[in-house]
N, C-alpha and C. Protein backbone atom coordinates (compact mmCIF):
# COMPACT_ATOMS: atom_id res chain seq x y z
N UNK A 1 0.85 -1.17 0.00
CA UNK A 1 0.00 0.00 0.00
C UNK A 1 0.89 1.23 0.00
N UNK A 2 0.35 2.31 -0.49
CA UNK A 2 1.08 3.58 -0.59
C UNK A 2 0.81 4.40 0.68
N UNK A 3 1.86 4.98 1.26
CA UNK A 3 1.72 5.74 2.50
C UNK A 3 2.39 7.10 2.34
N UNK A 4 1.72 8.14 2.83
CA UNK A 4 2.35 9.47 2.90
C UNK A 4 2.09 10.05 4.28
N UNK A 5 3.12 10.71 4.81
CA UNK A 5 3.05 11.37 6.11
C UNK A 5 3.47 12.81 5.88
N UNK A 6 2.57 13.75 6.15
CA UNK A 6 2.87 15.16 5.93
C UNK A 6 2.53 15.98 7.17
N UNK A 7 3.29 17.04 7.35
CA UNK A 7 3.03 18.02 8.39
C UNK A 7 2.97 19.37 7.69
N UNK A 8 2.61 20.43 8.39
CA UNK A 8 2.59 21.74 7.73
C UNK A 8 3.96 22.16 7.18
N UNK A 9 5.02 21.64 7.75
CA UNK A 9 6.37 22.03 7.34
C UNK A 9 6.95 21.21 6.19
N UNK A 10 6.60 19.91 6.13
CA UNK A 10 7.29 19.05 5.16
C UNK A 10 6.59 17.71 4.97
N UNK A 11 7.01 17.00 3.93
CA UNK A 11 6.62 15.60 3.73
C UNK A 11 7.68 14.77 4.44
N UNK A 12 7.26 13.95 5.41
CA UNK A 12 8.20 13.15 6.19
C UNK A 12 8.40 11.76 5.62
N UNK A 13 7.38 11.23 4.94
CA UNK A 13 7.49 9.89 4.37
C UNK A 13 6.57 9.79 3.17
N UNK A 14 7.06 9.15 2.13
CA UNK A 14 6.28 8.89 0.92
C UNK A 14 6.81 7.60 0.35
N UNK A 15 5.99 6.54 0.34
CA UNK A 15 6.47 5.28 -0.21
C UNK A 15 5.52 4.14 0.06
N UNK A 16 5.97 2.94 -0.31
CA UNK A 16 5.17 1.74 -0.11
C UNK A 16 5.46 1.16 1.27
N UNK A 17 4.45 0.53 1.86
CA UNK A 17 4.60 -0.05 3.19
C UNK A 17 3.77 -1.31 3.30
N UNK A 18 4.16 -2.18 4.23
CA UNK A 18 3.41 -3.41 4.48
C UNK A 18 2.47 -3.27 5.66
N UNK A 19 2.72 -2.29 6.55
CA UNK A 19 1.79 -2.04 7.65
C UNK A 19 2.02 -0.65 8.23
N UNK A 20 0.98 -0.13 8.88
CA UNK A 20 1.05 1.17 9.57
C UNK A 20 0.34 1.00 10.91
N UNK A 21 0.97 1.50 11.98
CA UNK A 21 0.33 1.55 13.29
C UNK A 21 0.34 3.02 13.70
N UNK A 22 -0.85 3.56 13.97
CA UNK A 22 -0.99 4.99 14.24
C UNK A 22 -1.72 5.23 15.56
N UNK A 23 -1.36 6.33 16.24
CA UNK A 23 -2.06 6.68 17.47
C UNK A 23 -3.33 7.48 17.16
N UNK A 24 -4.43 6.79 17.01
CA UNK A 24 -5.70 7.50 16.79
C UNK A 24 -6.09 8.20 18.09
N UNK A 25 -7.03 9.10 18.00
CA UNK A 25 -7.47 9.89 19.15
C UNK A 25 -7.92 9.01 20.32
N UNK A 26 -8.55 7.87 20.01
CA UNK A 26 -9.09 7.01 21.06
C UNK A 26 -8.39 5.65 21.16
N UNK A 27 -7.16 5.53 20.66
CA UNK A 27 -6.40 4.29 20.76
C UNK A 27 -5.61 3.99 19.50
N UNK A 28 -4.76 2.97 19.58
CA UNK A 28 -3.92 2.59 18.45
C UNK A 28 -4.76 1.95 17.35
N UNK A 29 -4.38 2.20 16.10
CA UNK A 29 -5.04 1.58 14.96
C UNK A 29 -3.98 0.97 14.06
N UNK A 30 -4.23 -0.26 13.60
CA UNK A 30 -3.31 -0.93 12.68
C UNK A 30 -3.93 -1.00 11.30
N UNK A 31 -3.12 -0.71 10.29
CA UNK A 31 -3.58 -0.72 8.90
C UNK A 31 -2.71 -1.69 8.11
N UNK A 32 -3.35 -2.60 7.42
CA UNK A 32 -2.67 -3.54 6.52
C UNK A 32 -3.18 -3.31 5.10
N UNK A 33 -2.47 -3.86 4.09
CA UNK A 33 -2.94 -3.68 2.71
C UNK A 33 -4.39 -4.13 2.54
N UNK A 34 -5.10 -3.42 1.67
CA UNK A 34 -6.50 -3.66 1.33
C UNK A 34 -7.45 -3.40 2.51
N UNK A 35 -7.05 -2.52 3.43
CA UNK A 35 -7.90 -2.14 4.56
C UNK A 35 -9.15 -1.43 4.03
N UNK A 36 -10.25 -1.60 4.71
CA UNK A 36 -11.49 -0.92 4.34
C UNK A 36 -11.31 0.59 4.46
N UNK A 37 -12.08 1.37 3.71
CA UNK A 37 -11.99 2.83 3.85
C UNK A 37 -12.17 3.23 5.32
N UNK A 38 -11.35 4.19 5.74
CA UNK A 38 -11.27 4.51 7.16
C UNK A 38 -10.78 5.94 7.32
N UNK A 39 -11.28 6.62 8.35
CA UNK A 39 -10.77 7.95 8.68
C UNK A 39 -10.88 8.13 10.18
N UNK A 40 -9.83 8.71 10.81
CA UNK A 40 -9.83 8.93 12.25
C UNK A 40 -8.97 10.13 12.58
N UNK A 41 -9.29 10.75 13.70
CA UNK A 41 -8.44 11.82 14.23
C UNK A 41 -7.20 11.20 14.85
N UNK A 42 -6.06 11.88 14.68
CA UNK A 42 -4.83 11.43 15.32
C UNK A 42 -4.77 11.95 16.74
N UNK A 43 -4.23 11.13 17.62
CA UNK A 43 -3.92 11.57 18.97
C UNK A 43 -2.45 11.96 19.01
N UNK A 44 -1.83 11.72 20.14
CA UNK A 44 -0.41 12.00 20.30
C UNK A 44 0.30 10.68 20.57
N UNK A 45 1.40 10.44 19.85
CA UNK A 45 2.14 9.20 20.06
C UNK A 45 3.06 8.90 18.89
N UNK A 46 3.39 7.63 18.75
CA UNK A 46 4.34 7.19 17.72
C UNK A 46 3.61 6.52 16.57
N UNK A 47 3.91 6.99 15.38
CA UNK A 47 3.42 6.40 14.13
C UNK A 47 4.52 5.48 13.62
N UNK A 48 4.19 4.21 13.38
CA UNK A 48 5.17 3.24 12.89
C UNK A 48 4.77 2.75 11.51
N UNK A 49 5.72 2.82 10.58
CA UNK A 49 5.48 2.38 9.19
C UNK A 49 6.50 1.29 8.87
N UNK A 50 6.01 0.10 8.56
CA UNK A 50 6.89 -1.03 8.24
C UNK A 50 7.00 -1.17 6.74
N UNK A 51 8.24 -1.20 6.27
CA UNK A 51 8.54 -1.42 4.85
C UNK A 51 9.50 -2.60 4.76
N UNK A 52 8.96 -3.78 4.52
CA UNK A 52 9.80 -4.97 4.49
C UNK A 52 10.38 -5.25 5.87
N UNK A 53 11.72 -5.28 5.97
CA UNK A 53 12.39 -5.55 7.24
C UNK A 53 12.70 -4.30 8.04
N UNK A 54 12.36 -3.12 7.51
CA UNK A 54 12.67 -1.87 8.19
C UNK A 54 11.41 -1.21 8.72
N UNK A 55 11.60 -0.38 9.74
CA UNK A 55 10.48 0.35 10.31
C UNK A 55 10.88 1.81 10.49
N UNK A 56 10.02 2.71 10.01
CA UNK A 56 10.21 4.15 10.21
C UNK A 56 9.24 4.58 11.29
N UNK A 57 9.74 5.41 12.22
CA UNK A 57 8.90 5.85 13.34
C UNK A 57 8.90 7.38 13.40
N UNK A 58 7.71 7.92 13.69
CA UNK A 58 7.55 9.38 13.76
C UNK A 58 6.71 9.71 14.99
N UNK A 59 7.09 10.77 15.68
CA UNK A 59 6.25 11.30 16.74
C UNK A 59 5.23 12.22 16.10
N UNK A 60 3.94 11.97 16.33
CA UNK A 60 2.89 12.77 15.72
C UNK A 60 1.93 13.28 16.80
N UNK A 61 1.26 14.36 16.46
CA UNK A 61 0.26 14.93 17.36
C UNK A 61 -0.75 15.73 16.55
N UNK A 62 -2.03 15.41 16.73
CA UNK A 62 -3.09 16.12 16.03
C UNK A 62 -3.13 15.78 14.55
N UNK A 63 -4.24 16.10 13.92
CA UNK A 63 -4.41 15.84 12.50
C UNK A 63 -5.34 14.66 12.28
N UNK A 64 -5.12 13.94 11.16
CA UNK A 64 -5.99 12.80 10.85
C UNK A 64 -5.26 11.77 10.03
N UNK A 65 -5.84 10.56 9.98
CA UNK A 65 -5.36 9.48 9.13
C UNK A 65 -6.53 9.05 8.25
N UNK A 66 -6.25 8.82 6.98
CA UNK A 66 -7.28 8.42 6.01
C UNK A 66 -6.77 7.23 5.22
N UNK A 67 -7.64 6.24 5.01
CA UNK A 67 -7.32 5.08 4.19
C UNK A 67 -8.39 4.97 3.11
N UNK A 68 -7.97 5.02 1.84
CA UNK A 68 -8.88 4.89 0.70
C UNK A 68 -8.12 4.23 -0.44
N UNK A 69 -8.69 3.17 -1.01
CA UNK A 69 -8.10 2.51 -2.19
C UNK A 69 -6.63 2.15 -2.01
N UNK A 70 -6.30 1.54 -0.87
CA UNK A 70 -4.95 1.07 -0.59
C UNK A 70 -3.93 2.21 -0.48
N UNK A 71 -4.41 3.40 -0.17
CA UNK A 71 -3.56 4.58 0.06
C UNK A 71 -3.83 5.08 1.47
N UNK A 72 -2.75 5.25 2.25
CA UNK A 72 -2.86 5.75 3.62
C UNK A 72 -2.26 7.15 3.64
N UNK A 73 -3.05 8.12 4.10
CA UNK A 73 -2.57 9.50 4.22
C UNK A 73 -2.61 9.89 5.69
N UNK A 74 -1.47 10.31 6.19
CA UNK A 74 -1.38 10.82 7.56
C UNK A 74 -1.06 12.30 7.45
N UNK A 75 -1.98 13.13 7.91
CA UNK A 75 -1.79 14.58 7.89
C UNK A 75 -1.75 15.02 9.35
N UNK A 76 -0.56 15.37 9.83
CA UNK A 76 -0.36 15.65 11.24
C UNK A 76 -0.13 17.15 11.48
N UNK A 77 -0.69 17.66 12.57
CA UNK A 77 -0.43 19.04 12.95
C UNK A 77 1.04 19.22 13.32
N UNK A 78 1.56 18.21 14.02
CA UNK A 78 2.99 18.21 14.37
C UNK A 78 3.53 16.81 14.13
N UNK A 79 4.70 16.72 13.50
CA UNK A 79 5.31 15.42 13.23
C UNK A 79 6.83 15.60 13.09
N UNK A 80 7.54 14.60 13.61
CA UNK A 80 9.00 14.61 13.47
C UNK A 80 9.50 13.17 13.58
N UNK A 81 10.65 12.88 12.98
CA UNK A 81 11.21 11.53 13.13
C UNK A 81 11.41 11.22 14.60
N UNK A 82 11.05 9.99 15.01
CA UNK A 82 11.20 9.59 16.41
C UNK A 82 12.63 9.15 16.67
N UNK A 83 13.10 9.40 17.88
CA UNK A 83 14.44 8.96 18.28
C UNK A 83 14.47 7.44 18.31
N UNK A 84 15.58 6.86 17.88
CA UNK A 84 15.70 5.40 17.81
C UNK A 84 16.09 4.84 19.14
């Protein structure tokens, strides 16, 4: 599935992924390929994007996550790469 993570300042991630785990406003949400259409408010926490054997992590706060036609869009009010 195609994933993009954007904040008001920049695009933090754009690429294919095998899974996404996001901090929704009311709890964690996991997204796998061919997920049903979905939209939720983002809470505050760590967004994890798995691409094969690697994982990219971002600290996010506010905004929303949308899943449509195997495309995941994360639009965050604040986002930055998470410390490893």
